[in-house]
N, C-alpha and C. Protein backbone atom coordinates (compact mmCIF):
# COMPACT_ATOMS: atom_id res chain seq x y z
N MET A 1 135.64 139.45 34.30
CA MET A 1 137.02 139.43 33.63
C MET A 1 137.68 138.07 34.17
N MET A 2 137.93 137.31 33.06
CA MET A 2 139.01 136.26 33.36
C MET A 2 140.38 136.52 32.83
N ALA A 3 141.22 136.52 33.52
CA ALA A 3 142.63 136.96 33.12
C ALA A 3 143.69 135.84 33.79
N LEU A 4 144.68 135.93 32.88
CA LEU A 4 146.19 135.28 33.17
C LEU A 4 147.13 136.26 33.24
N VAL A 5 147.79 136.17 34.67
CA VAL A 5 148.86 137.21 34.98
C VAL A 5 150.23 136.68 34.97
N ASP A 6 151.09 137.57 34.65
CA ASP A 6 152.58 137.04 34.86
C ASP A 6 153.19 137.58 36.19
N ALA A 7 154.46 137.12 36.23
CA ALA A 7 155.20 137.57 37.59
C ALA A 7 155.32 138.90 37.72
N SER A 8 155.24 139.80 36.58
CA SER A 8 155.32 141.35 36.79
C SER A 8 153.97 142.09 36.75
N TYR A 9 152.95 141.22 37.34
CA TYR A 9 151.53 141.98 37.31
C TYR A 9 151.12 142.58 36.05
N LYS A 10 151.58 141.75 35.10
CA LYS A 10 150.96 142.34 33.65
C LYS A 10 150.05 141.09 33.14
N PHE A 11 149.03 141.64 32.42
CA PHE A 11 148.05 140.70 31.98
C PHE A 11 148.34 140.10 30.69
N MET A 12 148.63 138.76 30.58
CA MET A 12 148.91 137.89 29.62
C MET A 12 147.61 137.25 28.62
N TYR A 13 146.50 137.26 29.29
CA TYR A 13 145.41 136.84 28.54
C TYR A 13 144.12 137.55 29.41
N VAL A 14 143.11 137.90 28.55
CA VAL A 14 142.03 138.44 29.19
C VAL A 14 140.61 138.09 28.45
N ASP A 15 139.65 137.63 29.21
CA ASP A 15 138.30 137.33 28.57
C ASP A 15 137.53 138.17 29.27
N VAL A 16 136.63 138.98 28.63
CA VAL A 16 135.65 140.00 29.39
C VAL A 16 134.18 139.45 28.99
N GLY A 17 133.46 139.43 30.04
CA GLY A 17 131.99 139.38 29.74
C GLY A 17 131.36 138.18 29.97
N ALA A 18 131.97 137.04 30.12
CA ALA A 18 131.58 135.66 30.25
C ALA A 18 130.40 135.61 31.43
N ILE A 19 130.87 136.13 32.58
CA ILE A 19 129.95 135.92 33.84
C ILE A 19 128.56 136.20 33.65
N GLY A 20 128.34 137.02 33.10
CA GLY A 20 126.88 137.57 32.81
C GLY A 20 125.92 136.44 32.05
N ARG A 21 126.57 135.72 31.30
CA ARG A 21 125.77 134.79 30.36
C ARG A 21 126.22 133.47 30.82
N SER A 22 126.90 133.00 31.69
CA SER A 22 127.43 131.72 32.07
C SER A 22 127.47 131.41 33.31
N SER A 23 127.20 130.18 33.66
CA SER A 23 127.52 129.70 35.15
C SER A 23 128.84 129.86 35.61
N ASP A 24 129.27 129.58 36.65
CA ASP A 24 130.78 129.76 36.85
C ASP A 24 131.49 128.82 36.16
N GLY A 25 131.08 127.41 36.33
CA GLY A 25 131.58 126.39 35.50
C GLY A 25 131.69 126.47 34.01
N GLY A 26 130.64 127.15 33.61
CA GLY A 26 130.64 127.56 32.27
C GLY A 26 131.64 128.61 31.57
N VAL A 27 132.00 129.52 32.63
CA VAL A 27 132.98 130.66 32.39
C VAL A 27 134.21 129.95 31.84
N TRP A 28 134.69 129.02 32.71
CA TRP A 28 136.10 128.20 32.50
C TRP A 28 135.74 127.36 31.33
N ASP A 29 134.76 126.60 31.26
CA ASP A 29 134.44 125.73 30.19
C ASP A 29 134.60 126.26 28.53
N LYS A 30 133.99 127.53 28.55
CA LYS A 30 133.91 128.35 27.42
C LYS A 30 135.19 129.27 27.07
N CYS A 31 136.12 129.32 27.94
CA CYS A 31 137.36 129.94 28.12
C CYS A 31 138.13 129.82 26.96
N THR A 32 138.69 130.64 26.12
CA THR A 32 139.62 130.27 24.97
C THR A 32 140.79 129.84 25.46
N LEU A 33 141.16 130.30 26.48
CA LEU A 33 142.52 129.82 27.29
C LEU A 33 142.55 128.38 27.45
N LYS A 34 141.44 127.87 28.46
CA LYS A 34 141.06 126.45 28.48
C LYS A 34 141.31 125.77 27.18
N GLU A 35 140.52 126.06 26.15
CA GLU A 35 140.54 125.43 24.85
C GLU A 35 141.97 125.34 24.30
N GLY A 36 142.71 126.38 24.26
CA GLY A 36 144.00 126.33 23.72
C GLY A 36 144.98 125.49 24.37
N ILE A 37 144.70 125.48 25.72
CA ILE A 37 145.90 124.58 26.51
C ILE A 37 145.48 123.10 26.26
N GLU A 38 144.20 122.75 26.19
CA GLU A 38 143.80 121.35 26.18
C GLU A 38 143.87 120.95 24.64
N THR A 39 143.86 121.67 23.78
CA THR A 39 144.00 121.33 22.39
C THR A 39 145.42 121.44 21.91
N LYS A 40 146.47 121.95 22.90
CA LYS A 40 147.79 122.09 22.56
C LYS A 40 148.21 123.17 21.58
N LEU A 41 147.26 124.16 21.41
CA LEU A 41 147.50 125.29 20.54
C LEU A 41 148.43 126.35 20.90
N LEU A 42 148.38 126.31 22.15
CA LEU A 42 149.50 127.42 22.90
C LEU A 42 150.85 126.77 22.87
N ASN A 43 152.04 127.77 23.00
CA ASN A 43 153.37 127.49 22.76
C ASN A 43 153.71 127.09 24.26
N ILE A 44 153.34 126.26 25.06
CA ILE A 44 153.87 125.77 26.34
C ILE A 44 154.97 125.07 26.27
N PRO A 45 156.07 125.43 26.94
CA PRO A 45 157.20 124.57 27.24
C PRO A 45 156.90 123.23 27.60
N GLU A 46 157.70 122.27 27.28
CA GLU A 46 157.56 120.93 27.88
C GLU A 46 157.93 120.78 29.26
N PRO A 47 157.36 119.94 30.02
CA PRO A 47 157.79 119.63 31.44
C PRO A 47 159.33 119.55 31.62
N GLU A 48 159.65 120.31 32.80
CA GLU A 48 161.07 120.32 32.88
C GLU A 48 161.40 119.89 34.34
N GLU A 49 162.59 119.51 34.71
CA GLU A 49 163.23 119.23 36.10
C GLU A 49 163.13 120.39 36.79
N ILE A 50 162.53 120.12 38.01
CA ILE A 50 162.63 121.35 39.00
C ILE A 50 163.94 121.20 39.75
N PRO A 51 164.32 122.48 40.16
CA PRO A 51 165.79 122.61 40.80
C PRO A 51 166.17 121.59 41.68
N PHE A 52 167.23 120.99 41.89
CA PHE A 52 167.75 120.17 42.81
C PHE A 52 167.23 118.66 42.88
N THR A 53 166.31 118.47 41.78
CA THR A 53 165.71 117.17 41.72
C THR A 53 165.86 116.63 40.43
N ARG A 54 165.55 115.31 40.14
CA ARG A 54 165.28 114.73 38.86
C ARG A 54 163.86 114.70 38.16
N LYS A 55 162.97 115.32 39.06
CA LYS A 55 161.41 115.34 38.78
C LYS A 55 161.05 116.22 37.70
N LYS A 56 160.29 115.71 36.71
CA LYS A 56 159.76 116.61 35.79
C LYS A 56 158.28 117.09 35.96
N ILE A 57 158.33 118.21 36.08
CA ILE A 57 156.80 118.73 36.43
C ILE A 57 156.36 119.90 35.26
N PRO A 58 155.33 119.57 34.71
CA PRO A 58 154.66 120.69 33.62
C PRO A 58 154.37 121.94 34.26
N TYR A 59 154.52 122.87 33.33
CA TYR A 59 154.43 124.33 33.56
C TYR A 59 152.70 124.40 34.05
N THR A 60 152.43 125.09 35.19
CA THR A 60 151.05 125.08 35.36
C THR A 60 150.60 126.61 35.77
N ILE A 61 149.40 126.73 35.66
CA ILE A 61 148.62 128.13 36.24
C ILE A 61 148.30 127.94 37.40
N VAL A 62 148.45 128.79 38.39
CA VAL A 62 147.92 128.85 39.72
C VAL A 62 146.65 129.48 39.80
N GLY A 63 145.89 128.77 40.58
CA GLY A 63 144.40 129.21 40.70
C GLY A 63 144.07 129.02 42.11
N ASP A 64 142.69 129.56 42.47
CA ASP A 64 142.17 129.41 43.70
C ASP A 64 141.16 128.33 43.63
N ASP A 65 140.45 128.12 44.64
CA ASP A 65 139.64 126.84 44.83
C ASP A 65 138.43 126.95 43.88
N ALA A 66 138.07 128.02 43.21
CA ALA A 66 137.12 128.10 42.29
C ALA A 66 137.34 127.17 41.04
N PHE A 67 138.65 127.20 40.83
CA PHE A 67 138.80 126.30 39.61
C PHE A 67 138.96 124.81 39.71
N PRO A 68 138.91 123.93 38.70
CA PRO A 68 139.22 122.55 38.75
C PRO A 68 140.66 122.32 38.92
N LEU A 69 141.13 121.21 39.40
CA LEU A 69 142.40 120.84 39.69
C LEU A 69 142.60 120.23 38.37
N LYS A 70 143.79 120.39 37.44
CA LYS A 70 144.20 120.06 36.25
C LYS A 70 145.59 119.75 36.37
N THR A 71 146.21 119.00 35.25
CA THR A 71 147.66 118.78 35.00
C THR A 71 148.19 120.25 34.90
N TYR A 72 147.54 121.14 34.31
CA TYR A 72 148.13 122.54 33.97
C TYR A 72 147.52 123.49 34.82
N LEU A 73 146.87 123.34 35.94
CA LEU A 73 146.19 124.28 36.73
C LEU A 73 146.26 123.75 38.28
N MET A 74 147.13 124.26 39.11
CA MET A 74 147.13 123.79 40.27
C MET A 74 146.17 124.77 41.46
N LYS A 75 145.66 124.40 42.40
CA LYS A 75 144.73 124.93 43.43
C LYS A 75 145.17 124.52 44.79
N PRO A 76 144.64 124.80 45.77
CA PRO A 76 145.07 124.56 47.21
C PRO A 76 144.49 123.24 47.50
N PHE A 77 145.15 122.63 48.58
CA PHE A 77 144.36 121.29 49.09
C PHE A 77 143.24 122.05 50.01
N PRO A 78 142.01 121.42 49.89
CA PRO A 78 140.88 121.86 50.31
C PRO A 78 140.83 121.35 51.98
N GLY A 79 139.94 122.03 52.62
CA GLY A 79 139.64 121.68 54.01
C GLY A 79 140.59 122.35 55.05
N ARG A 80 140.20 122.32 56.38
CA ARG A 80 140.83 123.14 57.33
C ARG A 80 141.62 122.18 58.30
N ASP A 81 141.37 121.05 58.29
CA ASP A 81 142.16 119.87 59.02
C ASP A 81 143.37 119.17 58.27
N GLN A 82 144.43 120.06 58.14
CA GLN A 82 145.36 119.83 57.03
C GLN A 82 146.57 119.36 57.56
N THR A 83 147.45 118.58 57.06
CA THR A 83 148.82 118.40 57.68
C THR A 83 149.88 119.51 57.44
N ALA A 84 150.81 119.61 58.11
CA ALA A 84 151.75 120.68 57.91
C ALA A 84 152.40 120.78 56.63
N GLU A 85 152.54 119.83 56.05
CA GLU A 85 153.10 119.75 54.57
C GLU A 85 152.21 120.14 53.57
N LYS A 86 150.75 119.91 53.77
CA LYS A 86 149.74 120.63 52.89
C LYS A 86 149.67 122.26 53.09
N ARG A 87 149.78 122.66 54.56
CA ARG A 87 149.86 123.92 54.83
C ARG A 87 150.77 124.72 54.21
N ILE A 88 152.12 124.06 53.90
CA ILE A 88 153.22 124.70 53.38
C ILE A 88 152.67 124.65 51.99
N PHE A 89 152.22 123.79 51.49
CA PHE A 89 151.99 123.87 49.85
C PHE A 89 150.88 124.89 49.52
N ASN A 90 150.07 125.08 50.46
CA ASN A 90 148.77 126.04 50.30
C ASN A 90 149.43 127.50 50.47
N TYR A 91 150.34 127.61 51.34
CA TYR A 91 151.11 128.91 51.66
C TYR A 91 151.93 129.31 50.27
N ARG A 92 152.60 128.48 49.67
CA ARG A 92 153.54 128.78 48.72
C ARG A 92 152.51 128.88 47.39
N LEU A 93 151.34 128.47 47.19
CA LEU A 93 150.54 128.65 46.21
C LEU A 93 149.89 129.88 46.49
N SER A 94 149.45 130.22 47.66
CA SER A 94 148.83 131.50 47.83
C SER A 94 149.73 132.62 47.66
N ARG A 95 151.05 132.42 48.03
CA ARG A 95 152.03 133.44 47.68
C ARG A 95 152.21 133.72 46.08
N ALA A 96 152.19 132.82 45.27
CA ALA A 96 152.22 132.90 43.99
C ALA A 96 151.07 133.51 43.44
N ARG A 97 149.83 133.22 43.97
CA ARG A 97 148.51 133.71 43.56
C ARG A 97 148.31 135.07 43.90
N ARG A 98 149.00 135.55 44.82
CA ARG A 98 148.92 136.92 45.13
C ARG A 98 149.10 137.94 44.13
N THR A 99 149.98 137.61 43.29
CA THR A 99 150.51 138.32 41.98
C THR A 99 149.28 138.56 41.19
N SER A 100 148.38 137.55 40.96
CA SER A 100 147.11 137.85 40.16
C SER A 100 146.12 138.99 41.00
N GLU A 101 146.16 138.69 42.18
CA GLU A 101 145.42 139.44 43.06
C GLU A 101 145.92 141.02 43.15
N ASN A 102 147.13 141.06 43.31
CA ASN A 102 147.73 142.41 42.99
C ASN A 102 147.47 143.20 41.67
N ALA A 103 147.69 142.42 40.60
CA ALA A 103 147.48 143.05 39.25
C ALA A 103 146.00 143.50 39.21
N PHE A 104 145.07 142.73 39.66
CA PHE A 104 143.71 143.05 39.56
C PHE A 104 143.43 144.41 40.37
N GLY A 105 144.19 144.39 41.73
CA GLY A 105 144.04 145.43 42.64
C GLY A 105 144.61 146.83 42.14
N ILE A 106 145.81 146.60 41.46
CA ILE A 106 146.42 147.80 40.87
C ILE A 106 145.41 148.34 39.73
N LEU A 107 144.97 147.42 38.80
CA LEU A 107 144.25 147.77 37.84
C LEU A 107 143.14 148.67 38.26
N ALA A 108 142.27 147.98 39.17
CA ALA A 108 141.14 148.80 39.72
C ALA A 108 141.41 149.96 40.43
N ALA A 109 142.54 150.11 41.19
CA ALA A 109 142.94 151.27 41.85
C ALA A 109 143.31 152.50 41.11
N ARG A 110 143.78 152.20 39.90
CA ARG A 110 144.25 153.26 38.96
C ARG A 110 143.13 153.41 37.89
N PHE A 111 142.33 152.75 37.75
CA PHE A 111 141.02 152.77 36.70
C PHE A 111 139.78 152.85 37.36
N GLN A 112 139.35 153.87 37.76
CA GLN A 112 138.21 154.14 38.84
C GLN A 112 136.85 153.66 37.96
N VAL A 113 137.06 153.41 36.86
CA VAL A 113 135.94 152.88 36.00
C VAL A 113 135.26 151.57 36.67
N PHE A 114 136.43 150.86 37.33
CA PHE A 114 136.01 149.47 37.72
C PHE A 114 135.53 149.56 39.20
N LYS A 115 135.33 150.84 39.64
CA LYS A 115 134.96 151.02 41.22
C LYS A 115 133.51 150.39 41.23
N ASN A 116 132.59 150.49 40.40
CA ASN A 116 131.36 149.88 40.47
C ASN A 116 131.15 149.16 38.97
N PRO A 117 129.90 148.41 38.98
CA PRO A 117 129.57 147.67 37.93
C PRO A 117 129.55 148.74 36.61
N ILE A 118 129.84 148.42 35.40
CA ILE A 118 130.01 149.25 34.36
C ILE A 118 128.71 149.28 33.74
N ARG A 119 128.03 150.34 33.56
CA ARG A 119 126.71 150.25 33.03
C ARG A 119 126.53 150.92 31.64
N THR A 120 126.99 149.99 30.95
CA THR A 120 126.88 150.42 29.35
C THR A 120 126.80 148.97 28.66
N SER A 121 126.75 149.11 27.28
CA SER A 121 126.68 147.83 26.43
C SER A 121 127.85 146.98 26.61
N PRO A 122 127.37 145.78 26.47
CA PRO A 122 128.48 144.82 26.51
C PRO A 122 129.66 144.96 25.59
N THR A 123 129.43 145.58 24.55
CA THR A 123 130.57 145.76 23.51
C THR A 123 131.48 146.90 24.19
N ASN A 124 130.81 147.88 24.75
CA ASN A 124 131.46 149.19 25.47
C ASN A 124 132.41 148.55 26.59
N VAL A 125 131.74 147.72 27.39
CA VAL A 125 132.50 147.20 28.54
C VAL A 125 133.68 146.31 28.08
N LYS A 126 133.60 145.50 27.12
CA LYS A 126 134.80 144.87 26.47
C LYS A 126 135.95 145.86 26.18
N ASP A 127 135.39 146.93 25.30
CA ASP A 127 136.37 147.81 24.91
C ASP A 127 137.05 148.75 26.12
N ILE A 128 136.36 149.12 26.77
CA ILE A 128 136.71 149.84 27.99
C ILE A 128 137.82 148.71 28.85
N SER A 129 137.40 147.61 29.16
CA SER A 129 138.25 146.77 29.83
C SER A 129 139.69 146.43 28.93
N PHE A 130 139.58 146.03 27.86
CA PHE A 130 140.64 145.91 27.04
C PHE A 130 141.72 147.05 26.96
N ALA A 131 141.16 148.26 26.86
CA ALA A 131 141.97 149.45 26.78
C ALA A 131 142.66 149.67 28.12
N ALA A 132 141.74 149.48 29.30
CA ALA A 132 142.48 149.82 30.62
C ALA A 132 143.57 148.75 30.92
N VAL A 133 143.45 147.45 30.27
CA VAL A 133 144.51 146.40 30.54
C VAL A 133 145.75 146.87 29.62
N ALA A 134 145.53 147.15 28.53
CA ALA A 134 146.58 147.49 27.57
C ALA A 134 147.41 148.81 28.23
N LEU A 135 146.60 149.86 28.66
CA LEU A 135 147.37 150.84 29.52
C LEU A 135 148.23 150.33 30.62
N HIS A 136 147.43 149.55 31.44
CA HIS A 136 148.05 148.95 32.62
C HIS A 136 149.44 148.19 32.35
N ASN A 137 149.30 147.21 31.19
CA ASN A 137 150.46 146.56 30.81
C ASN A 137 151.64 147.51 30.53
N PHE A 138 151.28 148.61 29.60
CA PHE A 138 152.32 149.65 29.05
C PHE A 138 152.81 150.45 30.36
N LEU A 139 152.11 150.54 31.45
CA LEU A 139 152.67 151.60 32.38
C LEU A 139 153.50 150.75 33.27
N ARG A 140 152.98 149.46 33.54
CA ARG A 140 154.17 148.54 34.29
C ARG A 140 155.24 148.05 33.41
N GLU A 141 155.32 148.17 32.35
CA GLU A 141 156.57 148.16 31.42
C GLU A 141 157.75 149.36 31.56
N HIS A 142 156.82 150.71 31.48
CA HIS A 142 157.43 151.75 31.22
C HIS A 142 157.50 152.72 32.44
N SER A 143 156.68 152.61 33.38
CA SER A 143 156.47 153.56 34.40
C SER A 143 156.16 152.95 35.74
N LYS A 144 156.50 151.81 36.05
CA LYS A 144 155.88 151.02 37.22
C LYS A 144 156.04 151.69 38.42
N ASP A 145 157.29 152.31 38.69
CA ASP A 145 157.41 152.91 39.94
C ASP A 145 156.44 154.10 40.24
N THR A 146 155.99 154.76 39.26
CA THR A 146 155.13 155.91 39.45
C THR A 146 153.76 155.39 39.30
N TYR A 147 153.50 154.52 38.54
CA TYR A 147 152.09 154.05 38.34
C TYR A 147 151.65 153.15 39.47
N SER A 148 152.65 152.25 40.01
CA SER A 148 152.27 151.23 40.90
C SER A 148 153.43 150.80 42.03
N PRO A 149 153.54 152.06 42.82
CA PRO A 149 154.71 152.03 43.92
C PRO A 149 154.51 151.09 44.90
N PRO A 150 155.62 150.66 45.28
CA PRO A 150 155.62 149.29 46.26
C PRO A 150 154.46 149.32 47.30
N GLU A 151 154.28 150.52 47.76
CA GLU A 151 153.25 150.76 48.88
C GLU A 151 151.84 150.35 48.39
N LEU A 152 151.59 150.31 47.08
CA LEU A 152 150.38 150.01 46.59
C LEU A 152 149.97 148.55 46.61
N ILE A 153 151.12 147.69 46.70
CA ILE A 153 151.12 146.25 46.44
C ILE A 153 151.12 145.44 47.87
N ASP A 154 150.47 144.41 47.80
CA ASP A 154 150.60 143.56 49.02
C ASP A 154 151.97 143.00 49.16
N ARG A 155 152.53 142.88 50.43
CA ARG A 155 153.93 142.52 50.50
C ARG A 155 154.05 141.58 51.89
N GLU A 156 154.94 140.81 52.04
CA GLU A 156 155.37 139.92 53.23
C GLU A 156 156.36 140.75 54.06
N ASP A 157 156.19 140.45 55.32
CA ASP A 157 157.27 140.85 56.26
C ASP A 157 157.84 139.48 56.88
N GLU A 158 158.85 138.90 56.02
CA GLU A 158 159.38 137.43 56.30
C GLU A 158 159.80 137.29 57.56
N ALA A 159 160.36 138.54 58.29
CA ALA A 159 160.88 138.47 59.60
C ALA A 159 160.05 138.05 60.69
N ASN A 160 158.87 138.79 60.68
CA ASN A 160 158.08 138.27 61.67
C ASN A 160 156.56 137.52 61.25
N GLY A 161 156.56 137.07 59.99
CA GLY A 161 155.59 136.40 59.46
C GLY A 161 154.20 137.12 59.21
N ARG A 162 154.44 138.30 58.98
CA ARG A 162 153.19 138.99 58.83
C ARG A 162 152.95 139.56 57.33
N MET A 163 151.50 139.94 56.82
CA MET A 163 151.30 140.31 55.64
C MET A 163 151.02 141.77 55.71
N HIS A 164 151.33 142.57 55.01
CA HIS A 164 150.83 143.79 54.81
C HIS A 164 150.16 144.25 53.56
N GLN A 165 149.05 144.81 53.77
CA GLN A 165 148.07 144.89 52.68
C GLN A 165 148.43 146.22 51.74
N GLY A 166 148.38 146.13 50.51
CA GLY A 166 148.73 147.13 49.78
C GLY A 166 147.67 148.24 49.72
N GLN A 167 148.17 149.47 49.35
CA GLN A 167 147.03 150.49 49.44
C GLN A 167 145.93 150.15 48.48
N TRP A 168 146.17 149.21 47.57
CA TRP A 168 144.79 148.96 46.30
C TRP A 168 143.49 148.54 47.27
N HIS A 169 143.95 147.89 48.52
CA HIS A 169 142.53 147.66 49.22
C HIS A 169 141.72 148.56 49.75
N GLN A 170 142.35 149.82 49.81
CA GLN A 170 141.36 150.93 50.06
C GLN A 170 140.31 151.34 49.05
N HIS A 171 140.57 150.94 47.82
CA HIS A 171 139.64 151.14 46.52
C HIS A 171 138.71 150.10 46.46
N GLN A 172 137.45 150.34 46.38
CA GLN A 172 136.45 149.38 46.18
C GLN A 172 136.42 149.14 44.71
N HIS A 173 136.21 147.75 44.34
CA HIS A 173 135.98 147.51 42.85
C HIS A 173 135.26 146.39 42.72
N HIS A 174 133.86 146.98 42.59
CA HIS A 174 132.88 146.20 42.45
C HIS A 174 132.44 145.65 41.07
N ALA A 175 133.21 145.94 40.21
CA ALA A 175 133.10 145.46 38.67
C ALA A 175 133.70 144.05 38.52
N PHE A 176 134.46 143.75 39.54
CA PHE A 176 135.35 142.32 39.30
C PHE A 176 134.39 141.36 40.34
N GLU A 177 133.95 140.18 39.83
CA GLU A 177 133.44 139.15 40.65
C GLU A 177 134.39 137.92 40.73
N GLY A 178 134.45 137.36 41.75
CA GLY A 178 135.08 136.03 41.91
C GLY A 178 134.29 134.86 41.50
N LEU A 179 134.78 133.79 41.01
CA LEU A 179 134.08 132.51 40.77
C LEU A 179 133.72 131.63 41.96
N HIS A 180 132.67 131.10 41.87
CA HIS A 180 132.37 130.03 42.94
C HIS A 180 133.09 128.72 42.58
N ALA A 181 133.15 127.91 43.49
CA ALA A 181 133.77 126.60 43.43
C ALA A 181 133.10 125.72 42.26
N MET A 182 133.94 125.12 41.46
CA MET A 182 133.41 124.41 40.41
C MET A 182 133.44 122.87 40.74
N GLY A 183 132.93 122.06 39.99
CA GLY A 183 133.09 120.68 39.96
C GLY A 183 134.22 119.77 40.53
N ARG A 184 134.19 118.90 41.17
CA ARG A 184 135.48 118.26 41.57
C ARG A 184 136.17 117.29 40.86
N GLY A 185 135.74 116.83 39.58
CA GLY A 185 136.35 115.66 39.10
C GLY A 185 137.88 115.71 38.79
N HIS A 186 138.63 115.74 39.62
CA HIS A 186 140.01 115.80 39.48
C HIS A 186 140.67 114.57 39.06
N SER A 187 141.67 114.48 38.07
CA SER A 187 142.16 113.40 37.46
C SER A 187 143.39 112.88 38.47
N ASN A 188 143.82 111.57 38.45
CA ASN A 188 144.83 111.25 39.29
C ASN A 188 146.12 111.79 38.92
N ASP A 189 146.60 112.02 37.57
CA ASP A 189 147.50 112.81 37.18
C ASP A 189 147.70 114.17 37.77
N ALA A 190 146.57 115.03 37.78
CA ALA A 190 146.76 116.24 38.51
C ALA A 190 146.94 116.21 40.00
N LYS A 191 146.46 115.23 40.68
CA LYS A 191 146.53 114.90 42.02
C LYS A 191 148.13 114.55 42.26
N ASN A 192 148.70 113.76 41.31
CA ASN A 192 150.15 113.39 41.69
C ASN A 192 151.09 114.62 41.30
N ILE A 193 150.79 115.37 40.45
CA ILE A 193 151.40 116.65 40.21
C ILE A 193 151.50 117.42 41.40
N ARG A 194 150.41 117.83 41.89
CA ARG A 194 150.18 118.60 43.14
C ARG A 194 150.83 117.86 44.37
N ALA A 195 150.86 116.69 44.44
CA ALA A 195 151.57 115.99 45.75
C ALA A 195 153.00 115.89 45.40
N SER A 196 153.46 116.11 44.11
CA SER A 196 155.00 116.06 43.95
C SER A 196 155.35 117.51 44.07
N LEU A 197 154.69 118.51 43.77
CA LEU A 197 155.02 119.86 44.25
C LEU A 197 155.11 120.14 45.86
N CYS A 198 154.10 119.50 46.39
CA CYS A 198 154.02 119.53 47.80
C CYS A 198 155.14 119.06 48.44
N ASP A 199 155.63 117.72 48.02
CA ASP A 199 156.75 117.03 48.69
C ASP A 199 158.12 118.03 48.15
N TYR A 200 157.99 118.72 47.04
CA TYR A 200 159.31 119.58 46.59
C TYR A 200 159.34 120.73 47.66
N PHE A 201 158.30 121.60 48.06
CA PHE A 201 158.09 122.74 48.69
C PHE A 201 158.50 122.36 50.24
N ASN A 202 158.32 121.03 50.58
CA ASN A 202 158.70 120.68 52.08
C ASN A 202 160.14 120.20 52.11
N ASN A 203 160.75 119.91 51.08
CA ASN A 203 162.11 119.43 51.09
C ASN A 203 163.24 120.07 50.02
N GLU A 204 163.60 119.59 49.05
CA GLU A 204 164.47 120.47 48.37
C GLU A 204 164.07 121.85 47.90
N GLY A 205 162.97 122.08 47.80
CA GLY A 205 162.34 123.51 47.35
C GLY A 205 162.08 124.56 48.54
N ARG A 206 162.10 123.81 49.92
CA ARG A 206 161.86 124.80 50.97
C ARG A 206 162.44 126.14 50.98
N VAL A 207 161.81 127.17 51.58
CA VAL A 207 162.36 128.43 51.81
C VAL A 207 162.40 128.62 53.29
N ALA A 208 163.45 129.53 53.81
CA ALA A 208 163.49 129.71 55.30
C ALA A 208 162.46 130.23 56.01
N TRP A 209 161.52 131.22 55.55
CA TRP A 209 160.49 131.52 56.21
C TRP A 209 159.04 130.95 56.29
N GLN A 210 158.99 129.67 55.46
CA GLN A 210 157.84 129.30 55.16
C GLN A 210 157.03 128.86 56.20
N ASP A 211 157.59 128.25 57.15
CA ASP A 211 156.94 127.66 58.42
C ASP A 211 156.46 128.81 59.16
N GLN A 212 157.10 130.00 59.18
CA GLN A 212 156.51 131.04 60.12
C GLN A 212 155.32 131.55 59.30
N MET A 213 155.45 131.80 58.04
CA MET A 213 154.39 132.42 57.25
C MET A 213 153.10 131.53 56.99
N ALA A 214 153.41 130.28 57.22
CA ALA A 214 152.40 129.06 57.10
C ALA A 214 151.63 129.11 58.52
N LEU A 215 152.18 129.60 59.55
CA LEU A 215 151.53 129.72 61.02
C LEU A 215 152.06 128.33 61.46
N LEU A 216 153.02 127.69 61.17
CA LEU A 216 153.36 126.37 61.73
C LEU A 216 154.10 126.58 63.19
N HIS A 217 154.41 127.88 63.40
CA HIS A 217 155.26 127.97 64.80
C HIS A 217 154.46 129.07 65.59
């Protein structure tokens, strides 16, 4: 399942079933979301100034290292030997990406059909997945405290720099697979946007707890 998640753990876009028929790179290349963004068919707002600066930055998707770096898709700086500034950027990106991880975790914990690979026809898998996502979004909208109480979700303890895993981690969900890292051909424009965000998170956009959470102390 390829999905785009909003800040409320709701699914905005879902593509089901591609992994079984494509390489990891092919999954993204054939994704209608990628096509819609790159052909400007989607109603994505124009770049805006980020707070406390005059820098205009485009709206971006947050992805992990499996995805290619694009002007519309940010991923972490690679490697272990990183500067403090890059570690801060990676922490802030990871913090945002955790929303997606939590959304998948809630979905799998509440819909046990995702506990194991779904052994039925591709058409049925799509119908089951779309139905589960629709119910998930409805329950997040109308009954979120019962459907997904705070203890189910990963959360940070900013006072001591610790992460507390949500209860969804106790549920196995083998129906979902992660992607392997794709090709590297990053554009200079994409690198410049990432560098601008890195600078912002370390200056005007810094938050009080980020050094501790990024293990800089």
